[in-house]
Amino acid sequence: LAHDYQRGVRLILLLHVPAAAGLAVLSTPIIRLLYERGKFTADNTAIMAPLLAWFAIGMPFFAVTSLMIRAFYASKDTVTPVKFATVSFVSNVSLGWWLKDLLGARGLVIASTVAVVVQAVLLQRRLGVAIPGLGFGGLWSTLGKIILGTLAMVAVVEAGWYLVREIYGAEVIAVVGLIPLGAAVYAASEGLSTLVLDC
């Protein structure tokens, strides 16, 4: 169980951390390409793009939470995930109720993201205590490599978007060109090839 769990978390982080960063960085061209036509204007894109970026932050946590819950089920514990899901729900509602008047829709998205982060942290801490080998300690080096690769990818994609954003059809260039470029930079980052083989 510990071996499969650690392998699963590595794979989730390997895929979802750069994907979340890419969505956040390219939220504007992605929204523009998918929705900006008819009654959906540039002003609507400016409102929606930050919401996508905030949702993207929670994506790795949401993905890994699903695996954590399965680890609890595999150990015959169905109560703990429900308890922490309740904490997450209460956090979401409470924080959303407070932030909606301050930040509007963005406040609701932030509340949702914070709630899933809280749930993931609580589940991981309990797993590390309840089941030997399921702690996060051995995964910090993995996360460090992933973050370094993601930062390199973000730097290239951010620079590319800055250069092309004023060009006609920039959103197409971003989606068709910058996303594959960012993926290539990420894949070429030192240490990630070994990590892929480990997964």
N, C-alpha and C. Protein backbone atom coordinates (compact mmCIF):
# COMPACT_ATOMS: atom_id res chain seq x y z
N LEU A 1 0.84 -1.20 0.00
CA LEU A 1 0.00 0.00 0.00
C LEU A 1 0.87 1.25 0.00
N ALA A 2 1.89 1.26 0.86
CA ALA A 2 2.75 2.44 0.95
C ALA A 2 3.46 2.70 -0.38
N HIS A 3 3.96 1.64 -1.00
CA HIS A 3 4.66 1.80 -2.28
C HIS A 3 3.72 2.36 -3.35
N ASP A 4 2.53 1.78 -3.46
CA ASP A 4 1.58 2.23 -4.48
C ASP A 4 1.09 3.65 -4.20
N TYR A 5 0.91 3.97 -2.92
CA TYR A 5 0.44 5.31 -2.56
C TYR A 5 1.49 6.36 -2.93
N GLN A 6 2.73 6.11 -2.53
CA GLN A 6 3.80 7.06 -2.83
C GLN A 6 3.95 7.24 -4.34
N ARG A 7 3.85 6.15 -5.08
CA ARG A 7 3.95 6.21 -6.53
C ARG A 7 2.80 7.02 -7.12
N GLY A 8 1.59 6.80 -6.57
CA GLY A 8 0.42 7.54 -7.06
C GLY A 8 0.53 9.03 -6.81
N VAL A 9 0.99 9.40 -5.61
CA VAL A 9 1.15 10.83 -5.28
C VAL A 9 2.19 11.47 -6.19
N ARG A 10 3.30 10.77 -6.41
CA ARG A 10 4.33 11.30 -7.31
C ARG A 10 3.76 11.58 -8.70
N LEU A 11 3.00 10.63 -9.20
CA LEU A 11 2.45 10.78 -10.55
C LEU A 11 1.45 11.94 -10.61
N ILE A 12 0.61 12.05 -9.58
CA ILE A 12 -0.37 13.14 -9.52
C ILE A 12 0.34 14.50 -9.49
N LEU A 13 1.35 14.62 -8.63
CA LEU A 13 2.08 15.88 -8.54
C LEU A 13 2.83 16.18 -9.84
N LEU A 14 3.39 15.15 -10.43
CA LEU A 14 4.15 15.31 -11.67
C LEU A 14 3.30 15.91 -12.78
N LEU A 15 2.02 15.53 -12.83
CA LEU A 15 1.13 16.00 -13.88
C LEU A 15 0.36 17.25 -13.50
N HIS A 16 -0.12 17.31 -12.27
CA HIS A 16 -1.07 18.36 -11.92
C HIS A 16 -0.43 19.68 -11.50
N VAL A 17 0.76 19.64 -10.91
CA VAL A 17 1.40 20.91 -10.51
C VAL A 17 1.72 21.76 -11.74
N PRO A 18 2.40 21.22 -12.77
CA PRO A 18 2.64 22.05 -13.96
C PRO A 18 1.36 22.40 -14.71
N ALA A 19 0.39 21.48 -14.72
CA ALA A 19 -0.87 21.78 -15.40
C ALA A 19 -1.59 22.94 -14.72
N ALA A 20 -1.58 22.95 -13.39
CA ALA A 20 -2.21 24.05 -12.65
C ALA A 20 -1.49 25.36 -12.92
N ALA A 21 -0.16 25.32 -12.92
CA ALA A 21 0.62 26.53 -13.18
C ALA A 21 0.36 27.04 -14.60
N GLY A 22 0.28 26.12 -15.55
CA GLY A 22 0.01 26.51 -16.93
C GLY A 22 -1.36 27.15 -17.09
N LEU A 23 -2.36 26.57 -16.43
CA LEU A 23 -3.70 27.15 -16.49
C LEU A 23 -3.73 28.55 -15.88
N ALA A 24 -3.00 28.71 -14.78
CA ALA A 24 -2.98 30.02 -14.12
C ALA A 24 -2.30 31.07 -15.00
N VAL A 25 -1.16 30.71 -15.57
CA VAL A 25 -0.40 31.67 -16.38
C VAL A 25 -1.13 32.02 -17.67
N LEU A 26 -1.74 31.02 -18.30
CA LEU A 26 -2.41 31.23 -19.59
C LEU A 26 -3.92 31.31 -19.46
N SER A 27 -4.40 31.69 -18.29
CA SER A 27 -5.85 31.75 -18.08
C SER A 27 -6.52 32.72 -19.04
N THR A 28 -5.89 33.86 -19.29
CA THR A 28 -6.49 34.85 -20.18
C THR A 28 -6.62 34.36 -21.62
N PRO A 29 -5.55 33.86 -22.25
CA PRO A 29 -5.72 33.39 -23.63
C PRO A 29 -6.63 32.17 -23.74
N ILE A 30 -6.63 31.31 -22.73
CA ILE A 30 -7.49 30.13 -22.76
C ILE A 30 -8.96 30.54 -22.73
N ILE A 31 -9.30 31.44 -21.80
CA ILE A 31 -10.68 31.92 -21.71
C ILE A 31 -11.07 32.67 -22.98
N ARG A 32 -10.15 33.49 -23.48
CA ARG A 32 -10.43 34.26 -24.69
C ARG A 32 -10.72 33.34 -25.88
N LEU A 33 -9.92 32.30 -26.02
CA LEU A 33 -10.08 31.39 -27.15
C LEU A 33 -11.38 30.59 -27.04
N LEU A 34 -11.71 30.14 -25.85
CA LEU A 34 -12.88 29.29 -25.67
C LEU A 34 -14.20 30.05 -25.66
N TYR A 35 -14.20 31.25 -25.10
CA TYR A 35 -15.49 31.90 -24.82
C TYR A 35 -15.69 33.27 -25.43
N GLU A 36 -14.63 34.00 -25.78
CA GLU A 36 -14.79 35.41 -26.13
C GLU A 36 -15.34 35.57 -27.55
N ARG A 37 -16.64 35.51 -27.61
CA ARG A 37 -17.37 35.75 -28.86
C ARG A 37 -18.82 36.05 -28.50
N GLY A 38 -19.55 36.68 -29.41
CA GLY A 38 -20.94 37.01 -29.14
C GLY A 38 -21.05 37.98 -27.97
N LYS A 39 -21.85 37.61 -26.99
CA LYS A 39 -22.07 38.48 -25.83
C LYS A 39 -20.98 38.38 -24.79
N PHE A 40 -20.05 37.41 -24.96
CA PHE A 40 -18.94 37.26 -24.02
C PHE A 40 -17.80 38.15 -24.49
N THR A 41 -17.59 39.26 -23.81
CA THR A 41 -16.66 40.29 -24.26
C THR A 41 -15.31 40.19 -23.56
N ALA A 42 -14.40 41.09 -23.94
CA ALA A 42 -13.09 41.16 -23.30
C ALA A 42 -13.22 41.48 -21.81
N ASP A 43 -14.23 42.25 -21.45
CA ASP A 43 -14.45 42.55 -20.03
C ASP A 43 -14.82 41.29 -19.27
N ASN A 44 -15.61 40.42 -19.88
CA ASN A 44 -15.96 39.16 -19.25
C ASN A 44 -14.72 38.27 -19.08
N THR A 45 -13.85 38.29 -20.08
CA THR A 45 -12.60 37.52 -19.99
C THR A 45 -11.76 38.02 -18.82
N ALA A 46 -11.68 39.34 -18.67
CA ALA A 46 -10.89 39.93 -17.59
C ALA A 46 -11.43 39.53 -16.22
N ILE A 47 -12.74 39.30 -16.13
CA ILE A 47 -13.35 38.87 -14.88
C ILE A 47 -13.12 37.39 -14.63
N MET A 48 -13.24 36.59 -15.68
CA MET A 48 -13.21 35.14 -15.54
C MET A 48 -11.80 34.57 -15.42
N ALA A 49 -10.82 35.18 -16.07
CA ALA A 49 -9.46 34.64 -16.08
C ALA A 49 -8.87 34.48 -14.67
N PRO A 50 -8.99 35.46 -13.78
CA PRO A 50 -8.47 35.26 -12.42
C PRO A 50 -9.18 34.13 -11.68
N LEU A 51 -10.46 33.93 -11.98
CA LEU A 51 -11.19 32.84 -11.33
C LEU A 51 -10.61 31.49 -11.74
N LEU A 52 -10.30 31.34 -13.02
CA LEU A 52 -9.67 30.11 -13.49
C LEU A 52 -8.32 29.91 -12.83
N ALA A 53 -7.56 30.99 -12.68
CA ALA A 53 -6.25 30.89 -12.04
C ALA A 53 -6.36 30.42 -10.60
N TRP A 54 -7.34 30.95 -9.86
CA TRP A 54 -7.52 30.53 -8.48
C TRP A 54 -8.00 29.08 -8.39
N PHE A 55 -8.89 28.69 -9.29
CA PHE A 55 -9.32 27.29 -9.31
C PHE A 55 -8.15 26.37 -9.61
N ALA A 56 -7.26 26.81 -10.51
CA ALA A 56 -6.13 25.98 -10.91
C ALA A 56 -5.21 25.68 -9.73
N ILE A 57 -5.07 26.62 -8.81
CA ILE A 57 -4.22 26.41 -7.65
C ILE A 57 -4.68 25.19 -6.85
N GLY A 58 -5.98 25.00 -6.76
CA GLY A 58 -6.51 23.89 -5.98
C GLY A 58 -6.49 22.56 -6.70
N MET A 59 -6.18 22.56 -8.00
CA MET A 59 -6.27 21.34 -8.79
C MET A 59 -5.39 20.20 -8.28
N PRO A 60 -4.10 20.43 -7.98
CA PRO A 60 -3.28 19.32 -7.46
C PRO A 60 -3.82 18.77 -6.14
N PHE A 61 -4.31 19.66 -5.28
CA PHE A 61 -4.84 19.23 -3.99
C PHE A 61 -6.10 18.39 -4.17
N PHE A 62 -6.95 18.81 -5.09
CA PHE A 62 -8.17 18.06 -5.36
C PHE A 62 -7.84 16.67 -5.89
N ALA A 63 -6.87 16.60 -6.79
CA ALA A 63 -6.50 15.32 -7.39
C ALA A 63 -5.90 14.37 -6.36
N VAL A 64 -5.02 14.88 -5.52
CA VAL A 64 -4.37 14.01 -4.54
C VAL A 64 -5.33 13.61 -3.43
N THR A 65 -6.33 14.45 -3.15
CA THR A 65 -7.33 14.10 -2.14
C THR A 65 -8.08 12.83 -2.52
N SER A 66 -8.37 12.68 -3.79
CA SER A 66 -9.06 11.47 -4.26
C SER A 66 -8.25 10.22 -3.94
N LEU A 67 -6.94 10.29 -4.14
CA LEU A 67 -6.08 9.15 -3.83
C LEU A 67 -6.01 8.92 -2.32
N MET A 68 -5.94 9.97 -1.55
CA MET A 68 -5.87 9.84 -0.09
C MET A 68 -7.11 9.14 0.46
N ILE A 69 -8.27 9.52 -0.07
CA ILE A 69 -9.52 8.91 0.39
C ILE A 69 -9.51 7.41 0.09
N ARG A 70 -9.00 7.02 -1.06
CA ARG A 70 -8.92 5.60 -1.40
C ARG A 70 -7.96 4.86 -0.48
N ALA A 71 -6.91 5.54 -0.04
CA ALA A 71 -5.97 4.92 0.91
C ALA A 71 -6.67 4.64 2.23
N PHE A 72 -7.51 5.56 2.68
CA PHE A 72 -8.28 5.34 3.91
C PHE A 72 -9.24 4.17 3.72
N TYR A 73 -9.92 4.13 2.59
CA TYR A 73 -10.85 3.02 2.34
C TYR A 73 -10.13 1.69 2.31
N ALA A 74 -8.92 1.67 1.73
CA ALA A 74 -8.15 0.43 1.66
C ALA A 74 -7.76 -0.06 3.03
N SER A 75 -7.65 0.86 3.99
CA SER A 75 -7.31 0.48 5.37
C SER A 75 -8.56 0.33 6.23
N LYS A 76 -9.72 0.24 5.60
CA LYS A 76 -11.01 0.02 6.27
C LYS A 76 -11.45 1.19 7.14
N ASP A 77 -10.98 2.37 6.85
CA ASP A 77 -11.39 3.57 7.58
C ASP A 77 -12.24 4.44 6.66
N THR A 78 -13.53 4.42 6.86
CA THR A 78 -14.44 5.23 6.05
C THR A 78 -14.94 6.46 6.81
N VAL A 79 -14.58 6.55 8.09
CA VAL A 79 -15.08 7.65 8.93
C VAL A 79 -14.23 8.90 8.78
N THR A 80 -12.91 8.73 8.81
CA THR A 80 -12.02 9.89 8.76
C THR A 80 -12.22 10.75 7.52
N PRO A 81 -12.34 10.18 6.32
CA PRO A 81 -12.58 11.03 5.15
C PRO A 81 -13.86 11.86 5.26
N VAL A 82 -14.89 11.28 5.87
CA VAL A 82 -16.15 12.01 6.04
C VAL A 82 -15.96 13.17 7.01
N LYS A 83 -15.23 12.94 8.09
CA LYS A 83 -14.97 14.01 9.06
C LYS A 83 -14.25 15.18 8.40
N PHE A 84 -13.21 14.87 7.65
CA PHE A 84 -12.42 15.94 7.04
C PHE A 84 -13.16 16.59 5.88
N ALA A 85 -14.02 15.83 5.20
CA ALA A 85 -14.86 16.44 4.16
C ALA A 85 -15.82 17.44 4.78
N THR A 86 -16.30 17.12 5.98
CA THR A 86 -17.18 18.04 6.70
C THR A 86 -16.45 19.32 7.09
N VAL A 87 -15.21 19.16 7.57
CA VAL A 87 -14.39 20.33 7.91
C VAL A 87 -14.17 21.19 6.67
N SER A 88 -13.90 20.53 5.54
CA SER A 88 -13.69 21.25 4.28
C SER A 88 -14.95 22.00 3.87
N PHE A 89 -16.10 21.34 4.01
CA PHE A 89 -17.37 21.97 3.64
C PHE A 89 -17.66 23.19 4.50
N VAL A 90 -17.46 23.04 5.79
CA VAL A 90 -17.71 24.16 6.71
C VAL A 90 -16.75 25.31 6.41
N SER A 91 -15.48 24.98 6.13
CA SER A 91 -14.50 26.01 5.79
C SER A 91 -14.91 26.75 4.52
N ASN A 92 -15.37 25.98 3.55
CA ASN A 92 -15.78 26.56 2.27
C ASN A 92 -16.94 27.53 2.45
N VAL A 93 -17.97 27.08 3.15
CA VAL A 93 -19.16 27.90 3.34
C VAL A 93 -18.84 29.14 4.19
N SER A 94 -18.10 28.94 5.28
CA SER A 94 -17.79 30.05 6.19
C SER A 94 -16.94 31.11 5.51
N LEU A 95 -15.85 30.64 4.86
CA LEU A 95 -14.96 31.59 4.21
C LEU A 95 -15.64 32.23 3.01
N GLY A 96 -16.43 31.45 2.26
CA GLY A 96 -17.15 32.00 1.12
C GLY A 96 -18.15 33.06 1.54
N TRP A 97 -18.85 32.82 2.64
CA TRP A 97 -19.83 33.79 3.14
C TRP A 97 -19.17 35.11 3.53
N TRP A 98 -17.94 35.00 4.06
CA TRP A 98 -17.22 36.20 4.48
C TRP A 98 -16.60 36.92 3.29
N LEU A 99 -16.05 36.17 2.33
CA LEU A 99 -15.32 36.78 1.22
C LEU A 99 -16.21 37.26 0.07
N LYS A 100 -17.45 36.74 0.01
CA LYS A 100 -18.29 37.10 -1.14
C LYS A 100 -18.59 38.59 -1.19
N ASP A 101 -18.71 39.22 -0.04
CA ASP A 101 -18.99 40.65 -0.02
C ASP A 101 -17.73 41.48 -0.26
N LEU A 102 -16.57 40.90 0.08
CA LEU A 102 -15.31 41.62 -0.11
C LEU A 102 -14.78 41.49 -1.53
N LEU A 103 -14.86 40.27 -2.09
CA LEU A 103 -14.22 39.99 -3.37
C LEU A 103 -15.18 39.49 -4.44
N GLY A 104 -16.44 39.35 -4.11
CA GLY A 104 -17.41 38.86 -5.09
C GLY A 104 -17.15 37.41 -5.47
N ALA A 105 -17.28 37.12 -6.76
CA ALA A 105 -17.10 35.75 -7.25
C ALA A 105 -15.70 35.22 -6.93
N ARG A 106 -14.71 36.10 -6.99
CA ARG A 106 -13.34 35.67 -6.68
C ARG A 106 -13.25 35.14 -5.24
N GLY A 107 -13.99 35.75 -4.33
CA GLY A 107 -13.99 35.29 -2.95
C GLY A 107 -14.53 33.88 -2.81
N LEU A 108 -15.57 33.55 -3.59
CA LEU A 108 -16.13 32.20 -3.55
C LEU A 108 -15.14 31.17 -4.08
N VAL A 109 -14.42 31.54 -5.13
CA VAL A 109 -13.42 30.63 -5.70
C VAL A 109 -12.26 30.43 -4.71
N ILE A 110 -11.82 31.51 -4.09
CA ILE A 110 -10.75 31.40 -3.10
C ILE A 110 -11.18 30.51 -1.95
N ALA A 111 -12.41 30.66 -1.50
CA ALA A 111 -12.92 29.84 -0.41
C ALA A 111 -12.92 28.36 -0.79
N SER A 112 -13.35 28.07 -2.01
CA SER A 112 -13.38 26.68 -2.48
C SER A 112 -11.97 26.10 -2.55
N THR A 113 -11.02 26.90 -3.02
CA THR A 113 -9.63 26.44 -3.13
C THR A 113 -9.03 26.21 -1.76
N VAL A 114 -9.25 27.14 -0.85
CA VAL A 114 -8.72 26.98 0.51
C VAL A 114 -9.31 25.73 1.17
N ALA A 115 -10.58 25.48 0.95
CA ALA A 115 -11.24 24.32 1.55
C ALA A 115 -10.61 23.01 1.10
N VAL A 116 -10.32 22.89 -0.19
CA VAL A 116 -9.73 21.64 -0.68
C VAL A 116 -8.29 21.50 -0.22
N VAL A 117 -7.58 22.62 -0.07
CA VAL A 117 -6.22 22.57 0.48
C VAL A 117 -6.26 22.08 1.93
N VAL A 118 -7.19 22.62 2.71
CA VAL A 118 -7.34 22.19 4.11
C VAL A 118 -7.64 20.71 4.18
N GLN A 119 -8.54 20.23 3.34
CA GLN A 119 -8.90 18.81 3.34
C GLN A 119 -7.69 17.95 3.01
N ALA A 120 -6.93 18.34 2.00
CA ALA A 120 -5.77 17.55 1.58
C ALA A 120 -4.72 17.50 2.69
N VAL A 121 -4.47 18.62 3.33
CA VAL A 121 -3.46 18.67 4.41
C VAL A 121 -3.89 17.80 5.58
N LEU A 122 -5.15 17.90 5.96
CA LEU A 122 -5.65 17.10 7.09
C LEU A 122 -5.58 15.61 6.78
N LEU A 123 -6.00 15.22 5.58
CA LEU A 123 -5.97 13.81 5.20
C LEU A 123 -4.54 13.28 5.18
N GLN A 124 -3.62 14.04 4.62
CA GLN A 124 -2.24 13.58 4.53
C GLN A 124 -1.61 13.45 5.91
N ARG A 125 -1.86 14.39 6.79
CA ARG A 125 -1.30 14.31 8.14
C ARG A 125 -1.83 13.09 8.88
N ARG A 126 -3.11 12.84 8.75
CA ARG A 126 -3.69 11.68 9.44
C ARG A 126 -3.16 10.37 8.84
N LEU A 127 -3.02 10.32 7.52
CA LEU A 127 -2.48 9.12 6.89
C LEU A 127 -1.08 8.82 7.38
N GLY A 128 -0.25 9.88 7.47
CA GLY A 128 1.13 9.70 7.92
C GLY A 128 1.22 9.14 9.33
N VAL A 129 0.24 9.49 10.16
CA VAL A 129 0.22 9.00 11.54
C VAL A 129 -0.38 7.61 11.61
N ALA A 130 -1.44 7.36 10.86
CA ALA A 130 -2.19 6.11 10.97
C ALA A 130 -1.50 4.93 10.30
N ILE A 131 -0.84 5.18 9.17
CA ILE A 131 -0.28 4.07 8.39
C ILE A 131 1.20 4.34 8.10
N PRO A 132 2.09 3.50 8.62
CA PRO A 132 3.53 3.69 8.36
C PRO A 132 3.82 3.65 6.86
N GLY A 133 4.65 4.57 6.43
CA GLY A 133 5.03 4.61 5.03
C GLY A 133 4.21 5.54 4.18
N LEU A 134 3.11 6.08 4.72
CA LEU A 134 2.25 6.96 3.94
C LEU A 134 2.46 8.43 4.27
N GLY A 135 3.50 8.73 5.07
CA GLY A 135 3.82 10.12 5.35
C GLY A 135 4.36 10.82 4.12
N PHE A 136 4.38 12.13 4.17
CA PHE A 136 4.81 12.91 3.00
C PHE A 136 6.31 13.15 2.99
N GLY A 137 6.99 12.75 4.06
CA GLY A 137 8.42 13.05 4.20
C GLY A 137 9.26 12.67 3.01
N GLY A 138 9.05 11.47 2.47
CA GLY A 138 9.85 11.01 1.34
C GLY A 138 9.50 11.66 0.02
N LEU A 139 8.44 12.47 0.01
CA LEU A 139 7.99 13.09 -1.24
C LEU A 139 8.45 14.54 -1.41
N TRP A 140 9.09 15.08 -0.37
CA TRP A 140 9.50 16.49 -0.45
C TRP A 140 10.53 16.71 -1.55
N SER A 141 11.47 15.77 -1.69
CA SER A 141 12.48 15.93 -2.74
C SER A 141 11.82 15.87 -4.12
N THR A 142 10.83 14.97 -4.25
CA THR A 142 10.07 14.88 -5.50
C THR A 142 9.37 16.20 -5.79
N LEU A 143 8.70 16.74 -4.79
CA LEU A 143 7.99 18.01 -4.97
C LEU A 143 8.95 19.14 -5.32
N GLY A 144 10.15 19.12 -4.72
CA GLY A 144 11.14 20.14 -5.03
C GLY A 144 11.54 20.11 -6.50
N LYS A 145 11.77 18.91 -7.04
CA LYS A 145 12.13 18.78 -8.47
C LYS A 145 10.98 19.27 -9.35
N ILE A 146 9.77 18.92 -8.97
CA ILE A 146 8.60 19.32 -9.75
C ILE A 146 8.43 20.83 -9.74
N ILE A 147 8.63 21.45 -8.58
CA ILE A 147 8.49 22.90 -8.48
C ILE A 147 9.56 23.61 -9.31
N LEU A 148 10.79 23.12 -9.27
CA LEU A 148 11.85 23.73 -10.06
C LEU A 148 11.54 23.62 -11.56
N GLY A 149 11.09 22.44 -11.98
CA GLY A 149 10.71 22.27 -13.39
C GLY A 149 9.55 23.16 -13.77
N THR A 150 8.59 23.29 -12.85
CA THR A 150 7.42 24.13 -13.11
C THR A 150 7.81 25.60 -13.21
N LEU A 151 8.72 26.04 -12.34
CA LEU A 151 9.18 27.44 -12.40
C LEU A 151 9.87 27.74 -13.72
N ALA A 152 10.68 26.79 -14.21
CA ALA A 152 11.33 26.98 -15.51
C ALA A 152 10.28 27.07 -16.62
N MET A 153 9.28 26.20 -16.54
CA MET A 153 8.20 26.21 -17.53
C MET A 153 7.44 27.53 -17.49
N VAL A 154 7.10 27.99 -16.29
CA VAL A 154 6.35 29.24 -16.13
C VAL A 154 7.13 30.42 -16.68
N ALA A 155 8.43 30.45 -16.42
CA ALA A 155 9.26 31.56 -16.91
C ALA A 155 9.22 31.64 -18.44
N VAL A 156 9.33 30.49 -19.09
CA VAL A 156 9.33 30.46 -20.56
C VAL A 156 7.95 30.83 -21.10
N VAL A 157 6.91 30.25 -20.52
CA VAL A 157 5.55 30.50 -21.01
C VAL A 157 5.14 31.95 -20.75
N GLU A 158 5.48 32.47 -19.58
CA GLU A 158 5.15 33.86 -19.26
C GLU A 158 5.85 34.82 -20.22
N ALA A 159 7.13 34.55 -20.50
CA ALA A 159 7.87 35.39 -21.44
C ALA A 159 7.27 35.29 -22.84
N GLY A 160 6.91 34.08 -23.24
CA GLY A 160 6.32 33.89 -24.56
C GLY A 160 5.00 34.62 -24.71
N TRP A 161 4.16 34.55 -23.68
CA TRP A 161 2.87 35.25 -23.73
C TRP A 161 3.07 36.76 -23.74
N TYR A 162 4.06 37.25 -23.03
CA TYR A 162 4.35 38.69 -23.03
C TYR A 162 4.73 39.15 -24.44
N LEU A 163 5.45 38.31 -25.16
CA LEU A 163 5.92 38.68 -26.49
C LEU A 163 4.82 38.64 -27.55
N VAL A 164 3.86 37.71 -27.38
CA VAL A 164 2.87 37.51 -28.46
C VAL A 164 1.49 38.07 -28.13
N ARG A 165 1.28 38.56 -26.92
CA ARG A 165 -0.08 38.88 -26.50
C ARG A 165 -0.75 40.00 -27.31
N GLU A 166 0.05 40.86 -27.94
CA GLU A 166 -0.52 41.95 -28.73
C GLU A 166 -0.73 41.55 -30.20
N ILE A 167 -0.28 40.36 -30.57
CA ILE A 167 -0.41 39.90 -31.95
C ILE A 167 -1.83 39.40 -32.20
N TYR A 168 -2.32 39.62 -33.41
CA TYR A 168 -3.65 39.10 -33.76
C TYR A 168 -3.62 37.57 -33.68
N GLY A 169 -4.60 36.99 -33.00
CA GLY A 169 -4.64 35.54 -32.82
C GLY A 169 -3.68 35.04 -31.76
N ALA A 170 -3.30 35.92 -30.83
CA ALA A 170 -2.33 35.55 -29.80
C ALA A 170 -2.80 34.38 -28.96
N GLU A 171 -4.12 34.30 -28.73
CA GLU A 171 -4.63 33.21 -27.90
C GLU A 171 -4.43 31.85 -28.57
N VAL A 172 -4.52 31.82 -29.89
CA VAL A 172 -4.27 30.57 -30.62
C VAL A 172 -2.80 30.19 -30.52
N ILE A 173 -1.92 31.19 -30.66
CA ILE A 173 -0.49 30.95 -30.52
C ILE A 173 -0.18 30.42 -29.12
N ALA A 174 -0.83 30.99 -28.12
CA ALA A 174 -0.59 30.58 -26.74
C ALA A 174 -0.98 29.12 -26.52
N VAL A 175 -2.17 28.75 -26.99
CA VAL A 175 -2.67 27.40 -26.75
C VAL A 175 -1.95 26.37 -27.61
N VAL A 176 -1.75 26.70 -28.88
CA VAL A 176 -1.15 25.75 -29.82
C VAL A 176 0.38 25.71 -29.70
N GLY A 177 0.98 26.88 -29.37
CA GLY A 177 2.43 26.96 -29.34
C GLY A 177 3.05 26.95 -27.96
N LEU A 178 2.55 27.81 -27.07
CA LEU A 178 3.19 27.96 -25.77
C LEU A 178 2.95 26.77 -24.84
N ILE A 179 1.79 26.14 -24.94
CA ILE A 179 1.53 24.98 -24.08
C ILE A 179 2.48 23.83 -24.41
N PRO A 180 2.64 23.45 -25.69
CA PRO A 180 3.64 22.41 -25.99
C PRO A 180 5.06 22.84 -25.63
N LEU A 181 5.39 24.12 -25.83
CA LEU A 181 6.71 24.60 -25.48
C LEU A 181 6.95 24.48 -23.97
N GLY A 182 5.95 24.90 -23.20
CA GLY A 182 6.07 24.79 -21.75
C GLY A 182 6.22 23.34 -21.30
N ALA A 183 5.45 22.44 -21.93
CA ALA A 183 5.55 21.02 -21.59
C ALA A 183 6.93 20.48 -21.91
N ALA A 184 7.52 20.93 -23.02
CA ALA A 184 8.86 20.47 -23.40
C ALA A 184 9.91 20.97 -22.40
N VAL A 185 9.78 22.23 -21.99
CA VAL A 185 10.72 22.78 -21.01
C VAL A 185 10.61 22.03 -19.69
N TYR A 186 9.40 21.77 -19.28
CA TYR A 186 9.16 21.04 -18.03
C TYR A 186 9.75 19.64 -18.11
N ALA A 187 9.50 18.94 -19.22
CA ALA A 187 9.99 17.57 -19.37
C ALA A 187 11.51 17.52 -19.41
N ALA A 188 12.13 18.59 -19.92
CA ALA A 188 13.59 18.62 -20.05
C ALA A 188 14.28 19.04 -18.76
N SER A 189 13.52 19.45 -17.75
CA SER A 189 14.11 19.92 -16.51
C SER A 189 14.89 18.80 -15.83
N GLU A 190 15.97 19.18 -15.20
CA GLU A 190 16.87 18.21 -14.58
C GLU A 190 16.15 17.42 -13.48
N GLY A 191 16.27 16.13 -13.53
CA GLY A 191 15.72 15.27 -12.49
C GLY A 191 14.33 14.74 -12.79
N LEU A 192 13.59 15.39 -13.71
CA LEU A 192 12.22 14.96 -13.96
C LEU A 192 12.16 13.67 -14.78
N SER A 193 13.15 13.44 -15.64
CA SER A 193 13.17 12.20 -16.42
C SER A 193 13.29 10.99 -15.50
N THR A 194 14.14 11.11 -14.49
CA THR A 194 14.28 10.03 -13.50
C THR A 194 13.00 9.85 -12.72
N LEU A 195 12.34 10.94 -12.41
CA LEU A 195 11.08 10.89 -11.67
C LEU A 195 10.00 10.19 -12.47
N VAL A 196 9.95 10.45 -13.78
CA VAL A 196 8.97 9.79 -14.64
C VAL A 196 9.19 8.29 -14.64
N LEU A 197 10.45 7.87 -14.70
CA LEU A 197 10.77 6.44 -14.68
C LEU A 197 10.37 5.80 -13.36
N ASP A 198 10.52 6.55 -12.26
CA ASP A 198 10.14 6.03 -10.94
C ASP A 198 8.64 5.83 -10.83
N CYS A 199 7.87 6.69 -11.55
CA CYS A 199 6.41 6.58 -11.50
C CYS A 199 5.93 5.45 -12.40
